[in-house]
Amino acid sequence: MDCIFCKIAAGEISSSRVYEDENILAFRDINPQTPVHILIIPKAHLSSCDDVNESNSAVIARIFEHIPKIAAEAGLRNGYRIISNCGEDGAQSVKHLHFHLMGGVKLPEKMA
């Protein structure tokens, strides 16, 4: 499989890692859209939110259990946004499930 996030998780491509355990990885986005822009992925390949099911949903719960800790470590004390794009119409550019943790500035209320 030619998945850039799988290669990052495997250590084949370097990244600025901010958190890692046996199931998830969080690293800084190389093209940040906010002062703090961290991507959080399951290490196992899931193409998008559409692939989440009973057999793998525990890793998604684990991601959300760690998001507050990752945000606090990144200095996001006044709030942040979590985004996951899904599919073509959702503007998903990398076909590996990932969550954008964004903050460090007052974000606009309108998303589009």
Protein backbone atom coordinates (compact mmCIF):
# COMPACT_ATOMS: atom_id res chain seq x y z
CA MET A 1 0.00 0.00 0.00
CA ASP A 2 1.29 3.44 -0.87
CA CYS A 3 -0.16 5.37 2.08
CA ILE A 4 1.91 8.29 3.35
CA PHE A 5 0.41 8.07 6.85
CA CYS A 6 1.16 4.34 7.07
CA LYS A 7 4.75 5.16 6.11
CA ILE A 8 4.90 7.89 8.78
CA ALA A 9 3.48 5.49 11.39
CA ALA A 10 6.06 2.86 10.38
CA GLY A 11 8.90 5.40 10.69
CA GLU A 12 9.72 5.23 6.97
CA ILE A 13 9.00 8.96 6.63
CA SER A 14 10.10 11.37 9.33
CA SER A 15 7.60 13.50 11.20
CA SER A 16 7.49 15.85 14.13
CA ARG A 17 5.87 13.42 16.58
CA VAL A 18 4.12 14.82 19.63
CA TYR A 19 2.52 11.61 20.96
CA GLU A 20 2.81 7.93 20.18
CA ASP A 21 1.71 4.64 21.67
CA GLU A 22 1.17 1.16 20.25
CA ASN A 23 -2.07 2.15 18.47
CA ILE A 24 -2.02 5.87 17.68
CA LEU A 25 0.34 8.56 16.48
CA ALA A 26 0.10 12.34 16.69
CA PHE A 27 2.41 14.57 14.67
CA ARG A 28 2.62 18.18 13.48
CA ASP A 29 1.08 18.95 10.09
CA ILE A 30 3.75 19.99 7.56
CA ASN A 31 1.37 22.63 6.14
CA PRO A 32 -0.26 24.04 9.27
CA GLN A 33 -3.43 26.08 8.85
CA THR A 34 -3.34 27.36 12.43
CA PRO A 35 -0.46 28.00 14.86
CA VAL A 36 -1.09 24.55 16.35
CA HIS A 37 -2.05 21.93 13.75
CA ILE A 38 -1.52 18.33 14.80
CA LEU A 39 -2.68 15.23 12.94
CA ILE A 40 -3.77 12.22 14.99
CA ILE A 41 -4.01 8.84 13.28
CA PRO A 42 -4.62 5.22 14.11
CA LYS A 43 -1.48 3.28 13.22
CA ALA A 44 -3.58 0.57 11.59
CA HIS A 45 -4.82 1.67 8.19
CA LEU A 46 -8.44 2.76 8.05
CA SER A 47 -9.32 4.68 4.90
CA SER A 48 -11.83 7.06 6.50
CA CYS A 49 -14.55 7.38 9.12
CA ASP A 50 -16.59 5.08 6.88
CA ASP A 51 -14.28 2.20 7.88
CA VAL A 52 -14.91 2.49 11.62
CA ASN A 53 -16.83 -0.49 13.01
CA GLU A 54 -17.22 -2.57 16.16
CA SER A 55 -13.94 -4.39 15.59
CA ASN A 56 -11.79 -1.24 15.40
CA SER A 57 -13.74 1.49 17.21
CA ALA A 58 -11.66 1.11 20.39
CA VAL A 59 -8.71 2.80 18.69
CA ILE A 60 -10.93 5.78 17.81
CA ALA A 61 -12.04 5.99 21.44
CA ARG A 62 -8.36 5.91 22.43
CA ILE A 63 -7.65 8.82 20.10
CA PHE A 64 -10.41 10.87 21.70
CA GLU A 65 -9.21 9.93 25.19
CA HIS A 66 -5.79 11.36 24.30
CA ILE A 67 -6.89 14.49 22.42
CA PRO A 68 -7.24 16.61 25.61
CA LYS A 69 -3.77 15.54 26.76
CA ILE A 70 -2.21 16.28 23.36
CA ALA A 71 -4.00 19.65 23.23
CA ALA A 72 -2.80 20.58 26.73
CA GLU A 73 0.79 19.59 25.87
CA ALA A 74 0.54 21.81 22.78
CA GLY A 75 -0.54 24.76 24.94
CA LEU A 76 -4.16 24.85 23.79
CA ARG A 77 -5.68 26.10 27.03
CA ASN A 78 -8.54 28.18 25.58
CA GLY A 79 -10.05 25.66 23.17
CA TYR A 80 -9.38 23.91 19.89
CA ARG A 81 -11.11 22.28 16.93
CA ILE A 82 -11.13 18.63 15.85
CA ILE A 83 -11.84 17.92 12.17
CA SER A 84 -11.96 14.71 10.17
CA ASN A 85 -12.63 14.96 6.45
CA CYS A 86 -14.34 11.96 4.88
CA GLY A 87 -14.41 11.19 1.15
CA GLU A 88 -14.17 13.36 -1.93
CA ASP A 89 -16.98 15.77 -1.05
CA GLY A 90 -15.57 16.05 2.46
CA ALA A 91 -12.19 17.16 1.01
CA GLN A 92 -10.26 14.13 2.35
CA SER A 93 -6.84 14.42 0.70
CA VAL A 94 -5.06 11.50 2.42
CA LYS A 95 -7.03 8.25 2.39
CA HIS A 96 -6.02 7.24 5.93
CA LEU A 97 -8.36 8.19 8.77
CA HIS A 98 -6.96 11.20 10.58
CA PHE A 99 -8.10 13.94 12.90
CA HIS A 100 -6.89 17.52 12.68
CA LEU A 101 -6.31 19.14 16.09
CA MET A 102 -6.25 22.86 15.36
CA GLY A 103 -5.92 25.92 17.56
CA GLY A 104 -3.67 28.58 18.93
CA VAL A 105 -5.89 31.40 17.63
CA LYS A 106 -9.57 32.32 17.82
CA LEU A 107 -11.10 30.18 15.09
CA PRO A 108 -14.03 31.40 13.00
CA GLU A 109 -17.44 29.99 13.81
CA LYS A 110 -18.27 29.42 10.17
CA MET A 111 -16.65 26.31 8.71
CA ALA A 112 -17.08 27.02 5.02
